[in-house]
Amino acid sequence: MQKLTRIITLSVALTVVSGCSYVGVYKRDIPQGNLVTEEMVSQLQPGMTQEQVTYVMGRPLLEAPFDSNQWDYVYRLDEAYGGVVQRRVTLTFDPMGRLANVQQQGDFSTDLPLSTDSSLGPAVEGADPLNTLPQENISTQTPETAPAPQPVLRAE
């Protein structure tokens, strides 16, 4: 009986310590797709060329495979301890390659809570990892202020 009690106690302790605990699990926000803001969409005007749209919005996440005149910009933010925020902008171009129609789906009126903290985890693109980049010390010397070269003597 005492051996059975030890086995059960050990099993419960190992289960709690191994990760199957009541403490909780760390979760991260998962952003996917093209970040689309209300400011970007407001810059779109009918008649813009595809190059102008690419300059404002970036390359689309989806291009219709059989119709190159439709571009889809999709953004999805799966919040760790919340819901899912989804935005979609569908742009339609005429046969001449000019913007003809803009369709929006989702709530563009609110800013998205994008975290740029420097906590542990995958690096954010363009971020300085652990602030380890060397500082640039650029000192300009003119020929007048540069030290004169010293002759090298060699023993023979």
N, C-alpha and C. Protein backbone atom coordinates (compact mmCIF):
# COMPACT_ATOMS: atom_id res chain seq x y z
N MET A 1 0.83 -1.19 0.00
CA MET A 1 0.00 0.00 0.00
C MET A 1 0.88 1.26 0.00
N GLN A 2 1.95 1.23 0.79
CA GLN A 2 2.84 2.39 0.87
C GLN A 2 3.55 2.60 -0.47
N LYS A 3 3.87 1.51 -1.16
CA LYS A 3 4.52 1.61 -2.46
C LYS A 3 3.57 2.23 -3.50
N LEU A 4 2.28 1.88 -3.45
CA LEU A 4 1.29 2.43 -4.35
C LEU A 4 1.12 3.93 -4.12
N THR A 5 1.14 4.36 -2.87
CA THR A 5 1.02 5.77 -2.53
C THR A 5 2.20 6.55 -3.09
N ARG A 6 3.39 6.00 -2.98
CA ARG A 6 4.58 6.66 -3.52
C ARG A 6 4.50 6.79 -5.04
N ILE A 7 4.05 5.73 -5.70
CA ILE A 7 3.95 5.75 -7.17
C ILE A 7 2.93 6.81 -7.61
N ILE A 8 1.80 6.88 -6.95
CA ILE A 8 0.78 7.87 -7.31
C ILE A 8 1.29 9.28 -7.04
N THR A 9 1.93 9.50 -5.91
CA THR A 9 2.48 10.81 -5.59
C THR A 9 3.53 11.22 -6.60
N LEU A 10 4.42 10.32 -6.95
CA LEU A 10 5.45 10.59 -7.94
C LEU A 10 4.83 10.89 -9.30
N SER A 11 3.82 10.14 -9.71
CA SER A 11 3.15 10.37 -11.00
C SER A 11 2.49 11.74 -11.05
N VAL A 12 1.82 12.13 -9.99
CA VAL A 12 1.17 13.44 -9.95
C VAL A 12 2.23 14.55 -9.98
N ALA A 13 3.31 14.37 -9.23
CA ALA A 13 4.37 15.38 -9.22
C ALA A 13 5.01 15.53 -10.60
N LEU A 14 5.28 14.43 -11.27
CA LEU A 14 5.87 14.50 -12.61
C LEU A 14 4.91 15.13 -13.62
N THR A 15 3.63 14.85 -13.48
CA THR A 15 2.65 15.45 -14.38
C THR A 15 2.59 16.96 -14.20
N VAL A 16 2.61 17.42 -12.98
CA VAL A 16 2.56 18.85 -12.70
C VAL A 16 3.82 19.54 -13.19
N VAL A 17 4.97 18.95 -12.98
CA VAL A 17 6.24 19.55 -13.35
C VAL A 17 6.47 19.50 -14.86
N SER A 18 5.95 18.50 -15.56
CA SER A 18 6.27 18.29 -16.96
C SER A 18 5.57 19.24 -17.92
N GLY A 19 4.71 20.09 -17.46
CA GLY A 19 4.06 21.02 -18.37
C GLY A 19 2.56 20.85 -18.40
N CYS A 20 2.07 19.78 -17.94
CA CYS A 20 0.63 19.59 -17.86
C CYS A 20 0.15 20.19 -16.54
N SER A 21 0.44 21.43 -16.36
CA SER A 21 0.14 22.06 -15.08
C SER A 21 -1.00 23.05 -15.23
N TYR A 22 -1.37 23.64 -14.14
CA TYR A 22 -2.43 24.62 -14.11
C TYR A 22 -1.89 26.04 -14.21
N VAL A 23 -0.60 26.19 -14.43
CA VAL A 23 0.04 27.49 -14.46
C VAL A 23 -0.39 28.28 -15.70
N GLY A 24 -0.49 27.66 -16.84
CA GLY A 24 -0.86 28.34 -18.07
C GLY A 24 0.26 28.24 -19.09
N VAL A 25 -0.03 28.61 -20.29
CA VAL A 25 0.91 28.52 -21.39
C VAL A 25 1.09 29.90 -21.99
N TYR A 26 2.32 30.23 -22.35
CA TYR A 26 2.60 31.51 -22.97
C TYR A 26 2.08 31.49 -24.41
N LYS A 27 1.38 32.54 -24.79
CA LYS A 27 0.86 32.66 -26.15
C LYS A 27 1.33 33.97 -26.74
N ARG A 28 1.46 34.01 -28.06
CA ARG A 28 1.87 35.22 -28.78
C ARG A 28 0.79 35.59 -29.77
N ASP A 29 0.72 36.89 -30.10
CA ASP A 29 -0.12 37.34 -31.20
C ASP A 29 0.52 36.86 -32.50
N ILE A 30 -0.31 36.39 -33.42
CA ILE A 30 0.21 35.88 -34.68
C ILE A 30 -0.33 36.72 -35.83
N PRO A 31 0.48 37.68 -36.33
CA PRO A 31 0.04 38.45 -37.50
C PRO A 31 0.42 37.73 -38.79
N GLN A 32 -0.50 37.76 -39.77
CA GLN A 32 -0.23 37.10 -41.05
C GLN A 32 -0.75 37.98 -42.18
N GLY A 33 -0.04 38.01 -43.27
CA GLY A 33 -0.50 38.71 -44.46
C GLY A 33 0.06 40.12 -44.58
N ASN A 34 -0.63 40.93 -45.39
CA ASN A 34 -0.26 42.32 -45.63
C ASN A 34 -0.92 43.20 -44.59
N LEU A 35 -0.13 44.02 -43.89
CA LEU A 35 -0.70 44.99 -42.96
C LEU A 35 -1.38 46.07 -43.79
N VAL A 36 -2.68 46.23 -43.61
CA VAL A 36 -3.47 47.19 -44.37
C VAL A 36 -4.07 48.17 -43.37
N THR A 37 -3.80 49.47 -43.57
CA THR A 37 -4.35 50.49 -42.68
C THR A 37 -5.34 51.37 -43.44
N GLU A 38 -6.12 52.11 -42.68
CA GLU A 38 -7.10 53.01 -43.28
C GLU A 38 -6.40 54.10 -44.10
N GLU A 39 -5.23 54.53 -43.63
CA GLU A 39 -4.46 55.55 -44.34
C GLU A 39 -4.04 55.06 -45.72
N MET A 40 -3.62 53.81 -45.81
CA MET A 40 -3.21 53.25 -47.09
C MET A 40 -4.39 53.18 -48.06
N VAL A 41 -5.53 52.72 -47.57
CA VAL A 41 -6.70 52.57 -48.43
C VAL A 41 -7.20 53.94 -48.88
N SER A 42 -7.10 54.95 -48.01
CA SER A 42 -7.58 56.29 -48.37
C SER A 42 -6.72 56.92 -49.48
N GLN A 43 -5.50 56.46 -49.67
CA GLN A 43 -4.64 56.99 -50.73
C GLN A 43 -4.97 56.42 -52.11
N LEU A 44 -5.76 55.34 -52.14
CA LEU A 44 -6.10 54.72 -53.42
C LEU A 44 -7.15 55.56 -54.13
N GLN A 45 -6.90 55.82 -55.40
CA GLN A 45 -7.82 56.60 -56.23
C GLN A 45 -8.10 55.82 -57.52
N PRO A 46 -9.35 55.86 -58.00
CA PRO A 46 -9.63 55.20 -59.29
C PRO A 46 -8.76 55.81 -60.39
N GLY A 47 -8.26 54.96 -61.26
CA GLY A 47 -7.41 55.40 -62.35
C GLY A 47 -5.93 55.23 -62.08
N MET A 48 -5.54 54.84 -60.85
CA MET A 48 -4.12 54.63 -60.54
C MET A 48 -3.62 53.41 -61.30
N THR A 49 -2.35 53.44 -61.69
CA THR A 49 -1.75 52.29 -62.36
C THR A 49 -1.38 51.23 -61.33
N GLN A 50 -1.07 50.04 -61.80
CA GLN A 50 -0.67 48.96 -60.90
C GLN A 50 0.62 49.30 -60.18
N GLU A 51 1.53 50.01 -60.83
CA GLU A 51 2.78 50.41 -60.18
C GLU A 51 2.51 51.40 -59.04
N GLN A 52 1.59 52.33 -59.26
CA GLN A 52 1.24 53.30 -58.21
C GLN A 52 0.59 52.60 -57.03
N VAL A 53 -0.27 51.64 -57.30
CA VAL A 53 -0.92 50.88 -56.23
C VAL A 53 0.12 50.08 -55.46
N THR A 54 1.07 49.49 -56.16
CA THR A 54 2.14 48.73 -55.50
C THR A 54 2.97 49.64 -54.62
N TYR A 55 3.20 50.88 -55.04
CA TYR A 55 3.96 51.84 -54.22
C TYR A 55 3.22 52.16 -52.93
N VAL A 56 1.90 52.29 -52.99
CA VAL A 56 1.10 52.64 -51.81
C VAL A 56 0.87 51.43 -50.92
N MET A 57 0.49 50.30 -51.51
CA MET A 57 0.04 49.14 -50.73
C MET A 57 1.07 48.02 -50.62
N GLY A 58 2.08 48.00 -51.48
CA GLY A 58 2.99 46.87 -51.52
C GLY A 58 2.45 45.81 -52.46
N ARG A 59 3.18 44.72 -52.60
CA ARG A 59 2.72 43.62 -53.46
C ARG A 59 1.56 42.92 -52.78
N PRO A 60 0.58 42.47 -53.54
CA PRO A 60 -0.57 41.80 -52.94
C PRO A 60 -0.22 40.41 -52.43
N LEU A 61 -0.96 40.00 -51.41
CA LEU A 61 -0.78 38.65 -50.88
C LEU A 61 -1.31 37.63 -51.89
N LEU A 62 -2.42 37.95 -52.52
CA LEU A 62 -3.04 37.03 -53.47
C LEU A 62 -3.33 37.74 -54.78
N GLU A 63 -2.98 37.10 -55.87
CA GLU A 63 -3.39 37.53 -57.19
C GLU A 63 -4.20 36.39 -57.77
N ALA A 64 -5.36 36.72 -58.31
CA ALA A 64 -6.21 35.69 -58.87
C ALA A 64 -5.44 34.95 -59.98
N PRO A 65 -5.37 33.62 -59.93
CA PRO A 65 -4.55 32.89 -60.88
C PRO A 65 -5.03 32.99 -62.33
N PHE A 66 -6.33 33.17 -62.53
CA PHE A 66 -6.86 33.21 -63.88
C PHE A 66 -7.27 34.62 -64.30
N ASP A 67 -7.14 35.58 -63.38
CA ASP A 67 -7.52 36.96 -63.68
C ASP A 67 -6.51 37.88 -62.99
N SER A 68 -5.54 38.36 -63.76
CA SER A 68 -4.50 39.20 -63.16
C SER A 68 -4.99 40.61 -62.85
N ASN A 69 -6.26 40.88 -63.11
CA ASN A 69 -6.83 42.19 -62.84
C ASN A 69 -7.46 42.30 -61.46
N GLN A 70 -7.27 41.30 -60.61
CA GLN A 70 -7.81 41.35 -59.26
C GLN A 70 -6.71 41.03 -58.26
N TRP A 71 -6.49 41.95 -57.32
CA TRP A 71 -5.49 41.77 -56.27
C TRP A 71 -6.19 41.76 -54.93
N ASP A 72 -5.75 40.87 -54.04
CA ASP A 72 -6.32 40.78 -52.69
C ASP A 72 -5.22 41.02 -51.67
N TYR A 73 -5.49 41.95 -50.77
CA TYR A 73 -4.61 42.23 -49.64
C TYR A 73 -5.34 41.73 -48.40
N VAL A 74 -4.81 40.70 -47.78
CA VAL A 74 -5.46 40.07 -46.63
C VAL A 74 -4.55 40.21 -45.43
N TYR A 75 -5.12 40.62 -44.30
CA TYR A 75 -4.37 40.70 -43.05
C TYR A 75 -5.19 40.03 -41.97
N ARG A 76 -4.55 39.17 -41.19
CA ARG A 76 -5.21 38.45 -40.11
C ARG A 76 -4.32 38.51 -38.88
N LEU A 77 -4.90 38.94 -37.77
CA LEU A 77 -4.19 39.00 -36.51
C LEU A 77 -4.90 38.10 -35.52
N ASP A 78 -4.26 36.99 -35.17
CA ASP A 78 -4.81 36.05 -34.19
C ASP A 78 -4.24 36.46 -32.84
N GLU A 79 -5.07 37.16 -32.04
CA GLU A 79 -4.60 37.66 -30.75
C GLU A 79 -4.49 36.50 -29.76
N ALA A 80 -3.42 36.52 -28.99
CA ALA A 80 -3.12 35.41 -28.10
C ALA A 80 -4.24 35.15 -27.10
N TYR A 81 -4.72 36.17 -26.46
CA TYR A 81 -5.74 36.00 -25.44
C TYR A 81 -7.02 36.72 -25.81
N GLY A 82 -7.28 36.79 -27.10
CA GLY A 82 -8.47 37.47 -27.60
C GLY A 82 -8.98 36.79 -28.85
N GLY A 83 -9.66 37.56 -29.66
CA GLY A 83 -10.24 37.02 -30.87
C GLY A 83 -9.32 37.15 -32.06
N VAL A 84 -9.93 37.12 -33.23
CA VAL A 84 -9.21 37.22 -34.48
C VAL A 84 -9.68 38.48 -35.19
N VAL A 85 -8.73 39.31 -35.62
CA VAL A 85 -9.03 40.51 -36.38
C VAL A 85 -8.64 40.23 -37.82
N GLN A 86 -9.57 40.47 -38.74
CA GLN A 86 -9.29 40.17 -40.14
C GLN A 86 -9.69 41.37 -40.98
N ARG A 87 -8.81 41.74 -41.91
CA ARG A 87 -9.06 42.82 -42.86
C ARG A 87 -8.75 42.31 -44.25
N ARG A 88 -9.54 42.80 -45.19
CA ARG A 88 -9.31 42.39 -46.57
C ARG A 88 -9.66 43.54 -47.50
N VAL A 89 -8.78 43.80 -48.45
CA VAL A 89 -9.02 44.80 -49.48
C VAL A 89 -8.86 44.10 -50.82
N THR A 90 -9.88 44.19 -51.65
CA THR A 90 -9.84 43.59 -52.98
C THR A 90 -9.82 44.72 -54.00
N LEU A 91 -8.80 44.75 -54.82
CA LEU A 91 -8.65 45.78 -55.84
C LEU A 91 -8.89 45.15 -57.21
N THR A 92 -9.70 45.82 -58.02
CA THR A 92 -9.99 45.34 -59.36
C THR A 92 -9.48 46.37 -60.35
N PHE A 93 -8.77 45.89 -61.35
CA PHE A 93 -8.21 46.76 -62.39
C PHE A 93 -8.96 46.54 -63.71
N ASP A 94 -9.03 47.59 -64.52
CA ASP A 94 -9.65 47.46 -65.84
C ASP A 94 -8.64 46.81 -66.79
N PRO A 95 -9.04 46.50 -68.02
CA PRO A 95 -8.11 45.85 -68.96
C PRO A 95 -6.86 46.68 -69.28
N MET A 96 -6.92 48.00 -69.07
CA MET A 96 -5.77 48.86 -69.33
C MET A 96 -4.79 48.86 -68.15
N GLY A 97 -5.13 48.19 -67.04
CA GLY A 97 -4.25 48.14 -65.88
C GLY A 97 -4.45 49.29 -64.92
N ARG A 98 -5.59 49.95 -64.98
CA ARG A 98 -5.90 51.07 -64.08
C ARG A 98 -6.89 50.60 -63.02
N LEU A 99 -6.75 51.16 -61.81
CA LEU A 99 -7.61 50.79 -60.69
C LEU A 99 -9.05 51.19 -60.97
N ALA A 100 -9.96 50.21 -60.88
CA ALA A 100 -11.37 50.46 -61.19
C ALA A 100 -12.25 50.38 -59.95
N ASN A 101 -11.95 49.47 -59.02
CA ASN A 101 -12.83 49.25 -57.88
C ASN A 101 -12.02 48.85 -56.65
N VAL A 102 -12.46 49.35 -55.48
CA VAL A 102 -11.83 49.00 -54.20
C VAL A 102 -12.93 48.48 -53.28
N GLN A 103 -12.78 47.25 -52.81
CA GLN A 103 -13.73 46.67 -51.86
C GLN A 103 -13.01 46.39 -50.56
N GLN A 104 -13.65 46.77 -49.44
CA GLN A 104 -13.06 46.57 -48.11
C GLN A 104 -13.93 45.64 -47.30
N GLN A 105 -13.27 44.78 -46.53
CA GLN A 105 -13.96 43.93 -45.57
C GLN A 105 -13.21 44.01 -44.26
N GLY A 106 -13.92 44.21 -43.17
CA GLY A 106 -13.29 44.32 -41.86
C GLY A 106 -13.35 45.74 -41.35
N ASP A 107 -12.93 45.93 -40.11
CA ASP A 107 -12.97 47.23 -39.45
C ASP A 107 -11.63 47.93 -39.61
N PHE A 108 -11.61 48.99 -40.43
CA PHE A 108 -10.39 49.74 -40.68
C PHE A 108 -10.30 50.98 -39.79
N SER A 109 -11.33 51.26 -39.01
CA SER A 109 -11.35 52.50 -38.23
C SER A 109 -10.47 52.44 -37.00
N THR A 110 -10.15 51.26 -36.51
CA THR A 110 -9.32 51.15 -35.31
C THR A 110 -7.90 50.74 -35.68
N ASP A 111 -6.95 51.22 -34.88
CA ASP A 111 -5.56 50.80 -35.07
C ASP A 111 -5.37 49.41 -34.50
N LEU A 112 -4.51 48.65 -35.13
CA LEU A 112 -4.24 47.29 -34.65
C LEU A 112 -3.19 47.34 -33.55
N PRO A 113 -3.38 46.56 -32.50
CA PRO A 113 -2.39 46.55 -31.41
C PRO A 113 -1.18 45.70 -31.78
N LEU A 114 -0.24 46.32 -32.48
CA LEU A 114 0.97 45.60 -32.88
C LEU A 114 2.03 45.78 -31.83
N SER A 115 2.56 44.67 -31.35
CA SER A 115 3.57 44.68 -30.30
C SER A 115 4.95 44.72 -30.93
N THR A 116 5.77 45.68 -30.50
CA THR A 116 7.15 45.75 -30.98
C THR A 116 8.10 45.67 -29.81
N ASP A 117 7.71 44.93 -28.78
CA ASP A 117 8.56 44.81 -27.60
C ASP A 117 9.80 44.02 -27.93
N SER A 118 10.82 44.19 -27.12
CA SER A 118 12.09 43.50 -27.38
C SER A 118 12.24 42.31 -26.43
N SER A 119 11.15 41.58 -26.24
CA SER A 119 11.23 40.41 -25.37
C SER A 119 11.83 39.24 -26.14
N LEU A 120 12.04 38.15 -25.44
CA LEU A 120 12.60 36.98 -26.09
C LEU A 120 11.63 36.42 -27.10
N GLY A 121 12.11 35.78 -28.10
CA GLY A 121 11.27 35.22 -29.15
C GLY A 121 11.87 35.57 -30.50
N PRO A 122 11.13 35.28 -31.56
CA PRO A 122 11.64 35.58 -32.89
C PRO A 122 11.88 37.08 -33.06
N ALA A 123 12.91 37.41 -33.80
CA ALA A 123 13.26 38.81 -33.99
C ALA A 123 12.29 39.48 -34.95
N VAL A 124 12.05 40.73 -34.70
CA VAL A 124 11.24 41.55 -35.60
C VAL A 124 12.15 42.02 -36.72
N GLU A 125 11.66 42.01 -37.93
CA GLU A 125 12.49 42.38 -39.07
C GLU A 125 13.01 43.80 -38.90
N GLY A 126 14.31 43.96 -39.04
CA GLY A 126 14.92 45.27 -38.91
C GLY A 126 15.31 45.63 -37.50
N ALA A 127 14.97 44.78 -36.53
CA ALA A 127 15.30 45.08 -35.14
C ALA A 127 16.75 44.73 -34.86
N ASP A 128 17.35 45.44 -33.91
CA ASP A 128 18.71 45.18 -33.51
C ASP A 128 18.70 44.09 -32.44
N PRO A 129 19.18 42.87 -32.73
CA PRO A 129 19.11 41.80 -31.75
C PRO A 129 20.00 42.08 -30.54
N LEU A 130 19.36 42.25 -29.41
CA LEU A 130 20.03 42.49 -28.13
C LEU A 130 20.95 43.71 -28.16
N ASN A 131 20.66 44.63 -29.05
CA ASN A 131 21.43 45.86 -29.17
C ASN A 131 22.92 45.59 -29.31
N THR A 132 23.27 44.64 -30.18
CA THR A 132 24.67 44.25 -30.32
C THR A 132 25.35 44.83 -31.54
N LEU A 133 24.65 45.63 -32.32
CA LEU A 133 25.31 46.20 -33.48
C LEU A 133 26.31 47.25 -33.03
N PRO A 134 27.50 47.25 -33.61
CA PRO A 134 28.51 48.22 -33.19
C PRO A 134 28.11 49.63 -33.61
N GLN A 135 28.48 50.57 -32.80
CA GLN A 135 28.22 51.97 -33.12
C GLN A 135 29.26 52.42 -34.14
N GLU A 136 28.82 53.22 -35.09
CA GLU A 136 29.73 53.69 -36.12
C GLU A 136 30.47 54.92 -35.62
N ASN A 137 31.77 54.85 -35.65
CA ASN A 137 32.61 56.01 -35.34
C ASN A 137 33.32 56.40 -36.61
N ILE A 138 32.80 57.39 -37.25
CA ILE A 138 33.39 57.84 -38.50
C ILE A 138 34.15 59.12 -38.21
N SER A 139 35.43 59.05 -38.37
CA SER A 139 36.24 60.25 -38.18
C SER A 139 36.87 60.60 -39.52
N THR A 140 36.63 61.79 -39.93
CA THR A 140 37.18 62.21 -41.22
C THR A 140 38.49 62.93 -40.98
N GLN A 141 39.48 62.53 -41.73
CA GLN A 141 40.79 63.18 -41.64
C GLN A 141 41.13 63.77 -42.99
N THR A 142 41.56 64.98 -42.96
CA THR A 142 42.01 65.61 -44.19
C THR A 142 43.49 65.29 -44.34
N PRO A 143 44.04 65.45 -45.51
CA PRO A 143 45.47 65.16 -45.70
C PRO A 143 46.35 66.01 -44.79
N GLU A 144 45.89 67.19 -44.40
CA GLU A 144 46.70 68.03 -43.53
C GLU A 144 46.75 67.49 -42.10
N THR A 145 45.64 66.88 -41.63
CA THR A 145 45.59 66.40 -40.25
C THR A 145 45.98 64.94 -40.11
N ALA A 146 46.11 64.23 -41.21
CA ALA A 146 46.48 62.82 -41.13
C ALA A 146 47.94 62.68 -40.74
N PRO A 147 48.27 61.66 -39.92
CA PRO A 147 49.67 61.49 -39.55
C PRO A 147 50.50 61.06 -40.75
N ALA A 148 51.73 61.50 -40.77
CA ALA A 148 52.63 61.17 -41.87
C ALA A 148 53.03 59.71 -41.77
N PRO A 149 53.15 59.03 -42.91
CA PRO A 149 53.55 57.62 -42.86
C PRO A 149 55.00 57.50 -42.38
N GLN A 150 55.25 56.47 -41.56
CA GLN A 150 56.57 56.24 -41.00
C GLN A 150 57.31 55.23 -41.87
N PRO A 151 58.61 55.44 -42.13
CA PRO A 151 59.37 54.46 -42.92
C PRO A 151 59.57 53.19 -42.12
N VAL A 152 59.56 52.07 -42.82
CA VAL A 152 59.74 50.77 -42.19
C VAL A 152 61.18 50.35 -42.39
N LEU A 153 61.91 50.08 -41.31
CA LEU A 153 63.31 49.64 -41.36
C LEU A 153 63.34 48.14 -41.26
N ARG A 154 64.06 47.51 -42.13
CA ARG A 154 64.15 46.05 -42.12
C ARG A 154 65.58 45.65 -41.81
N ALA A 155 65.72 44.69 -40.98
CA ALA A 155 67.06 44.18 -40.65
C ALA A 155 67.43 43.11 -41.67
N GLU A 156 68.70 43.22 -42.19
CA GLU A 156 69.12 42.25 -43.19
C GLU A 156 70.23 41.39 -42.68
